Structure formats: C-alpha cells, structure tokens
Amino acid sequence: MDKLYPMNEKEIKRLGIMSQLEKKQVGQRIAAEQLGISVRQVKRLKRAYQADGAAGLIHKSRGKPSHNQLDPEMKQKALDLILER
C-alpha cells in the first residue's frame, strides 16, 4: 500500500508539474515558469522526485521547530517580567 504524505497546495502543484516533466509533456523551462523558480531549481526538484517520488518534493523542515526560537529559559524570564508589571 502507498504511503500518504501531507502536502500543501504548493507541493501538490509541484507534484503535478514534475509528473508532466517526467512524461515529457512539458520542458524544464516551462516547468520553471509555471512554478516561478529557476531552471536550475527545476533540475534539483526533478532529481529529488526521481529519487524519492512525492516525498522528495515535501519540505524537509516540516514538523521541526524553528531555528529562530527563544531559549525556553529566556522566554519564561520575559513572561515573568511582563506578568510582574
């Protein structure tokens, strides 16, 4: 049975265009224009799609915490100061 992947609209659009590209219904330049990215990025996406299928098009940071977060200790200090006043 196939594995299900949660995809947003942008990734679903990429999947459709990558499948057309694989079937040679569209070229790389047209795919790049439709996706609003460069031909080089289309080549990168195509390699990921060929290697991993639909999972290769899903953003790799999905479900992971942001790198730009405050330290939990610092966040608690700030909340304590706000509540104190």
PDB file of N, CA and C in Angstrom:
ATOM      1  N   MET A   1       0.852  -1.187   0.000  1.00  0.00           N
ATOM      2  CA  MET A   1       0.000   0.000   0.000  1.00  0.00           C
ATOM      3  C   MET A   1       0.892   1.243   0.000  1.00  0.00           C
ATOM      4  N   ASP A   2       0.466   2.261  -0.717  1.00  0.00           N
ATOM      5  CA  ASP A   2       1.233   3.501  -0.809  1.00  0.00           C
ATOM      6  C   ASP A   2       1.175   4.262   0.502  1.00  0.00           C
ATOM      7  N   LYS A   3       2.265   4.965   0.788  1.00  0.00           N
ATOM      8  CA  LYS A   3       2.340   5.792   1.983  1.00  0.00           C
ATOM      9  C   LYS A   3       1.731   7.154   1.682  1.00  0.00           C
ATOM     10  N   LEU A   4       0.994   7.714   2.648  1.00  0.00           N
ATOM     11  CA  LEU A   4       0.371   9.021   2.459  1.00  0.00           C
ATOM     12  C   LEU A   4       1.309  10.114   2.962  1.00  0.00           C
ATOM     13  N   TYR A   5       1.390  11.205   2.210  1.00  0.00           N
ATOM     14  CA  TYR A   5       2.236  12.337   2.564  1.00  0.00           C
ATOM     15  C   TYR A   5       1.375  13.586   2.660  1.00  0.00           C
ATOM     16  N   PRO A   6       1.417  14.289   3.801  1.00  0.00           N
ATOM     17  CA  PRO A   6       0.663  15.547   3.886  1.00  0.00           C
ATOM     18  C   PRO A   6       1.375  16.610   3.049  1.00  0.00           C
ATOM     19  N   MET A   7       0.673  17.151   2.067  1.00  0.00           N
ATOM     20  CA  MET A   7       1.266  18.146   1.175  1.00  0.00           C
ATOM     21  C   MET A   7       0.409  19.397   1.170  1.00  0.00           C
ATOM     22  N   ASN A   8       1.061  20.552   1.069  1.00  0.00           N
ATOM     23  CA  ASN A   8       0.311  21.789   0.920  1.00  0.00           C
ATOM     24  C   ASN A   8       0.052  22.022  -0.575  1.00  0.00           C
ATOM     25  N   GLU A   9      -0.666  23.080  -0.886  1.00  0.00           N
ATOM     26  CA  GLU A   9      -1.054  23.328  -2.286  1.00  0.00           C
ATOM     27  C   GLU A   9       0.152  23.516  -3.195  1.00  0.00           C
ATOM     28  N   LYS A  10       1.166  24.206  -2.690  1.00  0.00           N
ATOM     29  CA  LYS A  10       2.367  24.464  -3.481  1.00  0.00           C
ATOM     30  C   LYS A  10       3.054  23.150  -3.854  1.00  0.00           C
ATOM     31  N   GLU A  11       3.121  22.231  -2.897  1.00  0.00           N
ATOM     32  CA  GLU A  11       3.769  20.948  -3.147  1.00  0.00           C
ATOM     33  C   GLU A  11       2.935  20.070  -4.076  1.00  0.00           C
ATOM     34  N   ILE A  12       1.627  20.186  -3.992  1.00  0.00           N
ATOM     35  CA  ILE A  12       0.750  19.430  -4.894  1.00  0.00           C
ATOM     36  C   ILE A  12       0.934  19.932  -6.326  1.00  0.00           C
ATOM     37  N   LYS A  13       1.050  21.260  -6.477  1.00  0.00           N
ATOM     38  CA  LYS A  13       1.295  21.837  -7.800  1.00  0.00           C
ATOM     39  C   LYS A  13       2.630  21.340  -8.352  1.00  0.00           C
ATOM     40  N   ARG A  14       3.665  21.318  -7.497  1.00  0.00           N
ATOM     41  CA  ARG A  14       4.978  20.812  -7.910  1.00  0.00           C
ATOM     42  C   ARG A  14       4.882  19.360  -8.358  1.00  0.00           C
ATOM     43  N   LEU A  15       4.124  18.561  -7.619  1.00  0.00           N
ATOM     44  CA  LEU A  15       3.972  17.148  -7.955  1.00  0.00           C
ATOM     45  C   LEU A  15       3.357  16.980  -9.341  1.00  0.00           C
ATOM     46  N   GLY A  16       2.313  17.752  -9.629  1.00  0.00           N
ATOM     47  CA  GLY A  16       1.672  17.674 -10.937  1.00  0.00           C
ATOM     48  C   GLY A  16       2.615  18.058 -12.065  1.00  0.00           C
ATOM     49  N   ILE A  17       3.356  19.118 -11.872  1.00  0.00           N
ATOM     50  CA  ILE A  17       4.270  19.584 -12.912  1.00  0.00           C
ATOM     51  C   ILE A  17       5.444  18.620 -13.068  1.00  0.00           C
ATOM     52  N   MET A  18       5.935  18.058 -11.950  1.00  0.00           N
ATOM     53  CA  MET A  18       7.040  17.095 -12.032  1.00  0.00           C
ATOM     54  C   MET A  18       6.607  15.826 -12.763  1.00  0.00           C
ATOM     55  N   SER A  19       5.360  15.410 -12.563  1.00  0.00           N
ATOM     56  CA  SER A  19       4.887  14.221 -13.282  1.00  0.00           C
ATOM     57  C   SER A  19       4.755  14.515 -14.777  1.00  0.00           C
ATOM     58  N   GLN A  20       4.333  15.739 -15.118  1.00  0.00           N
ATOM     59  CA  GLN A  20       4.273  16.134 -16.529  1.00  0.00           C
ATOM     60  C   GLN A  20       5.675  16.199 -17.123  1.00  0.00           C
ATOM     61  N   LEU A  21       6.619  16.690 -16.353  1.00  0.00           N
ATOM     62  CA  LEU A  21       8.005  16.792 -16.798  1.00  0.00           C
ATOM     63  C   LEU A  21       8.585  15.401 -17.037  1.00  0.00           C
ATOM     64  N   GLU A  22       8.263  14.471 -16.151  1.00  0.00           N
ATOM     65  CA  GLU A  22       8.756  13.104 -16.285  1.00  0.00           C
ATOM     66  C   GLU A  22       8.185  12.422 -17.534  1.00  0.00           C
ATOM     67  N   LYS A  23       6.929  12.739 -17.862  1.00  0.00           N
ATOM     68  CA  LYS A  23       6.288  12.177 -19.057  1.00  0.00           C
ATOM     69  C   LYS A  23       6.655  12.948 -20.322  1.00  0.00           C
ATOM     70  N   LYS A  24       7.485  13.981 -20.154  1.00  0.00           N
ATOM     71  CA  LYS A  24       7.942  14.845 -21.245  1.00  0.00           C
ATOM     72  C   LYS A  24       6.796  15.582 -21.938  1.00  0.00           C
ATOM     73  N   GLN A  25       5.778  15.931 -21.136  1.00  0.00           N
ATOM     74  CA  GLN A  25       4.668  16.731 -21.648  1.00  0.00           C
ATOM     75  C   GLN A  25       5.011  18.216 -21.600  1.00  0.00           C
ATOM     76  N   VAL A  26       5.927  18.583 -20.709  1.00  0.00           N
ATOM     77  CA  VAL A  26       6.421  19.963 -20.628  1.00  0.00           C
ATOM     78  C   VAL A  26       7.935  19.913 -20.513  1.00  0.00           C
ATOM     79  N   GLY A  27       8.569  21.017 -20.880  1.00  0.00           N
ATOM     80  CA  GLY A  27      10.022  21.117 -20.749  1.00  0.00           C
ATOM     81  C   GLY A  27      10.405  21.760 -19.433  1.00  0.00           C
ATOM     82  N   GLN A  28      11.706  21.763 -19.153  1.00  0.00           N
ATOM     83  CA  GLN A  28      12.188  22.325 -17.897  1.00  0.00           C
ATOM     84  C   GLN A  28      11.944  23.829 -17.812  1.00  0.00           C
ATOM     85  N   ARG A  29      12.082  24.524 -18.916  1.00  0.00           N
ATOM     86  CA  ARG A  29      11.877  25.973 -18.905  1.00  0.00           C
ATOM     87  C   ARG A  29      10.410  26.305 -18.608  1.00  0.00           C
ATOM     88  N   ILE A  30       9.502  25.581 -19.220  1.00  0.00           N
ATOM     89  CA  ILE A  30       8.073  25.825 -18.987  1.00  0.00           C
ATOM     90  C   ILE A  30       7.705  25.468 -17.550  1.00  0.00           C
ATOM     91  N   ALA A  31       8.250  24.363 -17.051  1.00  0.00           N
ATOM     92  CA  ALA A  31       8.008  23.963 -15.663  1.00  0.00           C
ATOM     93  C   ALA A  31       8.512  25.038 -14.711  1.00  0.00           C
ATOM     94  N   ALA A  32       9.674  25.609 -15.005  1.00  0.00           N
ATOM     95  CA  ALA A  32      10.238  26.665 -14.166  1.00  0.00           C
ATOM     96  C   ALA A  32       9.327  27.893 -14.161  1.00  0.00           C
ATOM     97  N   GLU A  33       8.804  28.260 -15.316  1.00  0.00           N
ATOM     98  CA  GLU A  33       7.900  29.407 -15.406  1.00  0.00           C
ATOM     99  C   GLU A  33       6.617  29.149 -14.624  1.00  0.00           C
ATOM    100  N   GLN A  34       6.072  27.946 -14.743  1.00  0.00           N
ATOM    101  CA  GLN A  34       4.827  27.619 -14.050  1.00  0.00           C
ATOM    102  C   GLN A  34       5.006  27.617 -12.533  1.00  0.00           C
ATOM    103  N   LEU A  35       6.170  27.174 -12.072  1.00  0.00           N
ATOM    104  CA  LEU A  35       6.424  27.113 -10.638  1.00  0.00           C
ATOM    105  C   LEU A  35       6.991  28.413 -10.082  1.00  0.00           C
ATOM    106  N   GLY A  36       7.448  29.293 -10.968  1.00  0.00           N
ATOM    107  CA  GLY A  36       8.034  30.554 -10.527  1.00  0.00           C
ATOM    108  C   GLY A  36       9.419  30.382  -9.924  1.00  0.00           C
ATOM    109  N   ILE A  37      10.167  29.408 -10.430  1.00  0.00           N
ATOM    110  CA  ILE A  37      11.529  29.150  -9.952  1.00  0.00           C
ATOM    111  C   ILE A  37      12.462  29.053 -11.153  1.00  0.00           C
ATOM    112  N   SER A  38      13.753  28.921 -10.901  1.00  0.00           N
ATOM    113  CA  SER A  38      14.727  28.843 -11.989  1.00  0.00           C
ATOM    114  C   SER A  38      14.794  27.422 -12.560  1.00  0.00           C
ATOM    115  N   VAL A  39      15.370  27.326 -13.754  1.00  0.00           N
ATOM    116  CA  VAL A  39      15.548  26.027 -14.392  1.00  0.00           C
ATOM    117  C   VAL A  39      16.452  25.153 -13.527  1.00  0.00           C
ATOM    118  N   ARG A  40      17.444  25.768 -12.896  1.00  0.00           N
ATOM    119  CA  ARG A  40      18.342  25.018 -12.019  1.00  0.00           C
ATOM    120  C   ARG A  40      17.570  24.379 -10.855  1.00  0.00           C
ATOM    121  N   GLN A  41      16.636  25.126 -10.272  1.00  0.00           N
ATOM    122  CA  GLN A  41      15.821  24.581  -9.188  1.00  0.00           C
ATOM    123  C   GLN A  41      14.909  23.465  -9.693  1.00  0.00           C
ATOM    124  N   VAL A  42      14.422  23.588 -10.922  1.00  0.00           N
ATOM    125  CA  VAL A  42      13.593  22.526 -11.506  1.00  0.00           C
ATOM    126  C   VAL A  42      14.414  21.248 -11.622  1.00  0.00           C
ATOM    127  N   LYS A  43      15.667  21.380 -12.032  1.00  0.00           N
ATOM    128  CA  LYS A  43      16.531  20.198 -12.142  1.00  0.00           C
ATOM    129  C   LYS A  43      16.736  19.552 -10.780  1.00  0.00           C
ATOM    130  N   ARG A  44      16.912  20.384  -9.755  1.00  0.00           N
ATOM    131  CA  ARG A  44      17.091  19.864  -8.397  1.00  0.00           C
ATOM    132  C   ARG A  44      15.834  19.129  -7.929  1.00  0.00           C
ATOM    133  N   LEU A  45      14.666  19.731  -8.175  1.00  0.00           N
ATOM    134  CA  LEU A  45      13.400  19.096  -7.809  1.00  0.00           C
ATOM    135  C   LEU A  45      13.182  17.794  -8.581  1.00  0.00           C
ATOM    136  N   LYS A  46      13.561  17.796  -9.849  1.00  0.00           N
ATOM    137  CA  LYS A  46      13.398  16.608 -10.675  1.00  0.00           C
ATOM    138  C   LYS A  46      14.230  15.442 -10.120  1.00  0.00           C
ATOM    139  N   ARG A  47      15.468  15.747  -9.709  1.00  0.00           N
ATOM    140  CA  ARG A  47      16.322  14.701  -9.110  1.00  0.00           C
ATOM    141  C   ARG A  47      15.705  14.163  -7.817  1.00  0.00           C
ATOM    142  N   ALA A  48      15.184  15.061  -6.988  1.00  0.00           N
ATOM    143  CA  ALA A  48      14.559  14.647  -5.729  1.00  0.00           C
ATOM    144  C   ALA A  48      13.316  13.808  -6.007  1.00  0.00           C
ATOM    145  N   TYR A  49      12.543  14.186  -7.017  1.00  0.00           N
ATOM    146  CA  TYR A  49      11.330  13.462  -7.379  1.00  0.00           C
ATOM    147  C   TYR A  49      11.670  12.074  -7.917  1.00  0.00           C
ATOM    148  N   GLN A  50      12.709  11.982  -8.725  1.00  0.00           N
ATOM    149  CA  GLN A  50      13.110  10.690  -9.269  1.00  0.00           C
ATOM    150  C   GLN A  50      13.655   9.770  -8.177  1.00  0.00           C
ATOM    151  N   ALA A  51      14.347  10.348  -7.202  1.00  0.00           N
ATOM    152  CA  ALA A  51      14.942   9.540  -6.132  1.00  0.00           C
ATOM    153  C   ALA A  51      13.909   9.089  -5.099  1.00  0.00           C
ATOM    154  N   ASP A  52      13.028  10.007  -4.674  1.00  0.00           N
ATOM    155  CA  ASP A  52      12.119   9.725  -3.562  1.00  0.00           C
ATOM    156  C   ASP A  52      10.638   9.791  -3.906  1.00  0.00           C
ATOM    157  N   GLY A  53      10.301  10.090  -5.141  1.00  0.00           N
ATOM    158  CA  GLY A  53       8.900  10.229  -5.509  1.00  0.00           C
ATOM    159  C   GLY A  53       8.305  11.483  -4.896  1.00  0.00           C
ATOM    160  N   ALA A  54       7.038  11.405  -4.519  1.00  0.00           N
ATOM    161  CA  ALA A  54       6.336  12.564  -3.963  1.00  0.00           C
ATOM    162  C   ALA A  54       6.983  13.049  -2.666  1.00  0.00           C
ATOM    163  N   ALA A  55       7.564  12.143  -1.899  1.00  0.00           N
ATOM    164  CA  ALA A  55       8.203  12.520  -0.631  1.00  0.00           C
ATOM    165  C   ALA A  55       9.394  13.448  -0.865  1.00  0.00           C
ATOM    166  N   GLY A  56      10.018  13.380  -2.040  1.00  0.00           N
ATOM    167  CA  GLY A  56      11.147  14.243  -2.350  1.00  0.00           C
ATOM    168  C   GLY A  56      10.759  15.690  -2.548  1.00  0.00           C
ATOM    169  N   LEU A  57       9.485  15.958  -2.779  1.00  0.00           N
ATOM    170  CA  LEU A  57       9.019  17.322  -3.015  1.00  0.00           C
ATOM    171  C   LEU A  57       8.518  17.999  -1.741  1.00  0.00           C
ATOM    172  N   ILE A  58       8.382  17.233  -0.661  1.00  0.00           N
ATOM    173  CA  ILE A  58       7.891  17.789   0.597  1.00  0.00           C
ATOM    174  C   ILE A  58       9.027  18.522   1.305  1.00  0.00           C
ATOM    175  N   HIS A  59       8.712  19.676   1.856  1.00  0.00           N
ATOM    176  CA  HIS A  59       9.713  20.488   2.537  1.00  0.00           C
ATOM    177  C   HIS A  59      10.311  19.708   3.702  1.00  0.00           C
ATOM    178  N   LYS A  60      11.626  19.696   3.794  1.00  0.00           N
ATOM    179  CA  LYS A  60      12.326  18.860   4.778  1.00  0.00           C
ATOM    180  C   LYS A  60      12.207  19.383   6.209  1.00  0.00           C
ATOM    181  N   SER A  61      11.840  20.645   6.385  1.00  0.00           N
ATOM    182  CA  SER A  61      11.739  21.219   7.734  1.00  0.00           C
ATOM    183  C   SER A  61      10.354  21.041   8.347  1.00  0.00           C
ATOM    184  N   ARG A  62       9.467  20.373   7.639  1.00  0.00           N
ATOM    185  CA  ARG A  62       8.108  20.218   8.146  1.00  0.00           C
ATOM    186  C   ARG A  62       8.110  19.452   9.461  1.00  0.00           C
ATOM    187  N   GLY A  63       7.431  20.013  10.469  1.00  0.00           N
ATOM    188  CA  GLY A  63       7.297  19.360  11.755  1.00  0.00           C
ATOM    189  C   GLY A  63       8.451  19.597  12.710  1.00  0.00           C
ATOM    190  N   LYS A  64       9.464  20.306  12.266  1.00  0.00           N
ATOM    191  CA  LYS A  64      10.608  20.579  13.133  1.00  0.00           C
ATOM    192  C   LYS A  64      10.476  21.986  13.710  1.00  0.00           C
ATOM    193  N   PRO A  65      11.015  22.213  14.912  1.00  0.00           N
ATOM    194  CA  PRO A  65      10.933  23.560  15.489  1.00  0.00           C
ATOM    195  C   PRO A  65      11.810  24.546  14.727  1.00  0.00           C
ATOM    196  N   SER A  66      11.421  25.800  14.772  1.00  0.00           N
ATOM    197  CA  SER A  66      12.153  26.859  14.089  1.00  0.00           C
ATOM    198  C   SER A  66      13.523  27.064  14.719  1.00  0.00           C
ATOM    199  N   HIS A  67      14.496  27.439  13.904  1.00  0.00           N
ATOM    200  CA  HIS A  67      15.832  27.730  14.404  1.00  0.00           C
ATOM    201  C   HIS A  67      15.880  29.111  15.070  1.00  0.00           C
ATOM    202  N   ASN A  68      14.849  29.911  14.853  1.00  0.00           N
ATOM    203  CA  ASN A  68      14.837  31.281  15.347  1.00  0.00           C
ATOM    204  C   ASN A  68      13.995  31.411  16.622  1.00  0.00           C
ATOM    205  N   GLN A  69      13.980  30.365  17.434  1.00  0.00           N
ATOM    206  CA  GLN A  69      13.193  30.385  18.663  1.00  0.00           C
ATOM    207  C   GLN A  69      14.006  30.942  19.825  1.00  0.00           C
ATOM    208  N   LEU A  70      13.278  31.511  20.770  1.00  0.00           N
ATOM    209  CA  LEU A  70      13.919  31.932  22.014  1.00  0.00           C
ATOM    210  C   LEU A  70      14.195  30.699  22.867  1.00  0.00           C
ATOM    211  N   ASP A  71      15.245  30.780  23.649  1.00  0.00           N
ATOM    212  CA  ASP A  71      15.554  29.729  24.604  1.00  0.00           C
ATOM    213  C   ASP A  71      14.387  29.652  25.594  1.00  0.00           C
ATOM    214  N   PRO A  72      13.895  28.465  25.948  1.00  0.00           N
ATOM    215  CA  PRO A  72      12.752  28.377  26.874  1.00  0.00           C
ATOM    216  C   PRO A  72      12.973  29.117  28.189  1.00  0.00           C
ATOM    217  N   GLU A  73      14.209  29.111  28.675  1.00  0.00           N
ATOM    218  CA  GLU A  73      14.536  29.822  29.908  1.00  0.00           C
ATOM    219  C   GLU A  73      14.345  31.333  29.738  1.00  0.00           C
ATOM    220  N   MET A  74      14.832  31.861  28.614  1.00  0.00           N
ATOM    221  CA  MET A  74      14.723  33.293  28.317  1.00  0.00           C
ATOM    222  C   MET A  74      13.251  33.670  28.116  1.00  0.00           C
ATOM    223  N   LYS A  75      12.507  32.800  27.474  1.00  0.00           N
ATOM    224  CA  LYS A  75      11.086  33.063  27.233  1.00  0.00           C
ATOM    225  C   LYS A  75      10.339  33.159  28.565  1.00  0.00           C
ATOM    226  N   GLN A  76      10.641  32.257  29.477  1.00  0.00           N
ATOM    227  CA  GLN A  76       9.988  32.266  30.789  1.00  0.00           C
ATOM    228  C   GLN A  76      10.348  33.514  31.578  1.00  0.00           C
ATOM    229  N   LYS A  77      11.621  33.944  31.491  1.00  0.00           N
ATOM    230  CA  LYS A  77      12.051  35.169  32.163  1.00  0.00           C
ATOM    231  C   LYS A  77      11.253  36.368  31.656  1.00  0.00           C
ATOM    232  N   ALA A  78      11.097  36.447  30.340  1.00  0.00           N
ATOM    233  CA  ALA A  78      10.365  37.558  29.733  1.00  0.00           C
ATOM    234  C   ALA A  78       8.912  37.544  30.186  1.00  0.00           C
ATOM    235  N   LEU A  79       8.293  36.366  30.215  1.00  0.00           N
ATOM    236  CA  LEU A  79       6.901  36.270  30.657  1.00  0.00           C
ATOM    237  C   LEU A  79       6.756  36.672  32.123  1.00  0.00           C
ATOM    238  N   ASP A  80       7.703  36.247  32.951  1.00  0.00           N
ATOM    239  CA  ASP A  80       7.675  36.622  34.367  1.00  0.00           C
ATOM    240  C   ASP A  80       7.771  38.139  34.537  1.00  0.00           C
ATOM    241  N   LEU A  81       8.654  38.791  33.760  1.00  0.00           N
ATOM    242  CA  LEU A  81       8.786  40.237  33.847  1.00  0.00           C
ATOM    243  C   LEU A  81       7.510  40.952  33.413  1.00  0.00           C
ATOM    244  N   ILE A  82       6.887  40.437  32.369  1.00  0.00           N
ATOM    245  CA  ILE A  82       5.638  41.043  31.876  1.00  0.00           C
ATOM    246  C   ILE A  82       4.536  40.905  32.917  1.00  0.00           C
ATOM    247  N   LEU A  83       4.416  39.716  33.495  1.00  0.00           N
ATOM    248  CA  LEU A  83       3.358  39.481  34.476  1.00  0.00           C
ATOM    249  C   LEU A  83       3.613  40.237  35.791  1.00  0.00           C
ATOM    250  N   GLU A  84       4.878  40.489  36.078  1.00  0.00           N
ATOM    251  CA  GLU A  84       5.242  41.208  37.292  1.00  0.00           C
ATOM    252  C   GLU A  84       4.739  42.649  37.254  1.00  0.00           C
ATOM    253  N   ARG A  85       4.745  43.246  36.080  1.00  0.00           N
ATOM    254  CA  ARG A  85       4.321  44.633  35.951  1.00  0.00           C
ATOM    255  C   ARG A  85       2.905  44.652  35.571  1.00  0.00           C
TER     256      ARG A  85
END
